[in-house]
Amino acid sequence: MTYFHARRVPGAFEEVIERTREALARHGFGVLTEIDVTGTLKAKIGQDFRPYRILGACNPTMAHQALEMEPHIGVVLPCNVIVQQTDQSVEVAVVNPAASMAAVDNPALLEHARAVGQQLEAALAEL
């Protein structure tokens, strides 16, 4: 089982980030956090790095359901989505929540994670 799903998306980096936010929103996800990896690495260790952003996406209803099933599942929430510049294009990748949740001995949670993953993949497919 792969831990992520990705696709190359045409467009400029910042434009793809905005389109990614919009696609996530259409599937019930808001972006709770945004980490500018490029800026952080430059500021903290003086290293240049390609444009790379981590979006912490959350579907509140699905997150609530997961927390009801497994009170410590918050250690792997929210669902991370990355947008990164590659040599030829911009790539968007979404986490496969089922890969993370497979470590938890809770079949209902694993099934729930698959449903979350389907929504993330649907958002990715729209880009």
Protein backbone atom coordinates (compact mmCIF):
# COMPACT_ATOMS: atom_id res chain seq x y z
CA MET A 1 0.00 0.00 0.00
CA THR A 2 1.46 3.31 -1.06
CA TYR A 3 1.48 6.11 1.52
CA PHE A 4 0.58 8.84 -0.97
CA HIS A 5 -1.08 9.58 -4.31
CA ALA A 6 0.32 12.26 -6.62
CA ARG A 7 -0.15 13.91 -9.95
CA ARG A 8 1.56 16.58 -12.00
CA VAL A 9 -0.56 19.67 -12.44
CA PRO A 10 -0.11 22.35 -15.12
CA GLY A 11 0.29 25.92 -13.94
CA ALA A 12 2.45 28.16 -11.82
CA PHE A 13 3.29 27.05 -8.27
CA GLU A 14 1.14 29.61 -6.41
CA GLU A 15 -1.73 29.09 -8.83
CA VAL A 16 -1.64 25.33 -8.23
CA ILE A 17 -1.72 25.91 -4.47
CA GLU A 18 -4.88 27.98 -4.84
CA ARG A 19 -6.49 25.42 -7.13
CA THR A 20 -5.58 22.69 -4.64
CA ARG A 21 -7.26 24.61 -1.80
CA GLU A 22 -10.37 25.02 -3.93
CA ALA A 23 -10.51 21.34 -4.89
CA LEU A 24 -10.08 20.31 -1.25
CA ALA A 25 -12.88 22.66 -0.23
CA ARG A 26 -15.23 21.11 -2.78
CA HIS A 27 -14.68 17.80 -0.97
CA GLY A 28 -15.25 19.14 2.52
CA PHE A 29 -11.65 19.87 3.50
CA GLY A 30 -10.35 23.12 4.89
CA VAL A 31 -6.67 23.95 5.20
CA LEU A 32 -5.83 24.35 8.89
CA THR A 33 -2.08 24.74 8.51
CA GLU A 34 0.34 25.75 5.80
CA ILE A 35 4.06 25.17 6.07
CA ASP A 36 6.40 26.96 3.68
CA VAL A 37 9.18 24.38 3.68
CA THR A 38 11.31 26.49 1.33
CA GLY A 39 11.19 29.55 3.58
CA THR A 40 11.64 27.54 6.76
CA LEU A 41 14.75 25.73 5.52
CA LYS A 42 16.25 29.01 4.34
CA ALA A 43 15.50 30.80 7.63
CA LYS A 44 16.49 27.98 9.98
CA ILE A 45 19.50 26.36 8.31
CA GLY A 46 20.40 28.64 5.41
CA GLN A 47 19.55 26.02 2.78
CA ASP A 48 17.94 26.78 -0.56
CA PHE A 49 15.18 24.35 -1.52
CA ARG A 50 12.72 24.08 -4.39
CA PRO A 51 9.25 25.59 -3.84
CA TYR A 52 7.58 23.14 -1.44
CA ARG A 53 4.47 23.72 0.65
CA ILE A 54 2.67 21.41 3.08
CA LEU A 55 -1.07 22.00 3.50
CA GLY A 56 -2.70 20.46 6.58
CA ALA A 57 -6.17 19.54 5.28
CA CYS A 58 -9.08 18.63 7.54
CA ASN A 59 -12.62 17.51 6.91
CA PRO A 60 -14.19 18.38 10.29
CA THR A 61 -16.97 15.81 10.11
CA MET A 62 -14.64 12.99 9.16
CA ALA A 63 -12.04 14.09 11.72
CA HIS A 64 -14.69 14.09 14.45
CA GLN A 65 -15.79 10.60 13.48
CA ALA A 66 -12.19 9.34 13.56
CA LEU A 67 -11.61 10.92 16.98
CA GLU A 68 -14.75 9.22 18.29
CA MET A 69 -13.44 5.86 17.05
CA GLU A 70 -9.88 6.33 18.32
CA PRO A 71 -9.11 9.11 20.83
CA HIS A 72 -5.37 9.29 20.05
CA ILE A 73 -5.77 9.42 16.27
CA GLY A 74 -5.09 13.15 16.42
CA VAL A 75 -1.38 12.32 16.29
CA VAL A 76 -1.80 11.74 12.55
CA LEU A 77 -4.28 14.53 11.82
CA PRO A 78 -4.69 16.68 9.77
CA CYS A 79 -4.17 15.01 6.39
CA ASN A 80 -1.09 16.41 4.69
CA VAL A 81 -1.13 17.56 1.10
CA ILE A 82 2.09 18.71 -0.54
CA VAL A 83 2.60 21.01 -3.48
CA GLN A 84 6.12 21.01 -4.86
CA GLN A 85 7.92 22.34 -7.89
CA THR A 86 9.63 19.65 -9.95
CA ASP A 87 11.97 20.14 -12.90
CA GLN A 88 9.16 20.22 -15.44
CA SER A 89 5.97 20.92 -13.52
CA VAL A 90 4.20 21.27 -10.20
CA GLU A 91 3.29 18.09 -8.34
CA VAL A 92 0.49 17.73 -5.83
CA ALA A 93 0.50 14.73 -3.51
CA VAL A 94 -2.04 13.66 -0.90
CA VAL A 95 -1.51 11.32 1.99
CA ASN A 96 -3.16 7.89 1.89
CA PRO A 97 -4.80 7.89 5.34
CA ALA A 98 -5.37 4.13 5.20
CA ALA A 99 -1.60 3.57 5.12
CA SER A 100 -1.24 5.49 8.40
CA MET A 101 -4.29 3.98 10.04
CA ALA A 102 -3.31 0.41 9.15
CA ALA A 103 -0.98 0.50 12.17
CA VAL A 104 -3.99 0.98 14.48
CA ASP A 105 -5.86 -2.18 15.45
CA ASN A 106 -9.30 -0.81 14.64
CA PRO A 107 -11.04 -2.16 11.51
CA ALA A 108 -13.76 0.53 11.62
CA LEU A 109 -11.12 3.26 11.67
CA LEU A 110 -9.32 1.68 8.71
CA GLU A 111 -12.55 1.64 6.72
CA HIS A 112 -13.15 5.27 7.68
CA ALA A 113 -9.61 6.17 6.58
CA ARG A 114 -10.32 4.62 3.20
CA ALA A 115 -13.36 6.90 2.82
CA VAL A 116 -11.25 9.95 3.73
CA GLY A 117 -8.65 8.83 1.21
CA GLN A 118 -11.27 8.56 -1.50
CA GLN A 119 -12.26 12.18 -0.90
CA LEU A 120 -8.63 13.32 -1.02
CA GLU A 121 -8.04 11.38 -4.22
CA ALA A 122 -11.20 12.88 -5.76
CA ALA A 123 -9.88 16.38 -4.99
CA LEU A 124 -6.53 15.45 -6.50
CA ALA A 125 -8.22 14.12 -9.64
CA GLU A 126 -9.92 17.49 -10.20
CA LEU A 127 -6.65 19.36 -10.54
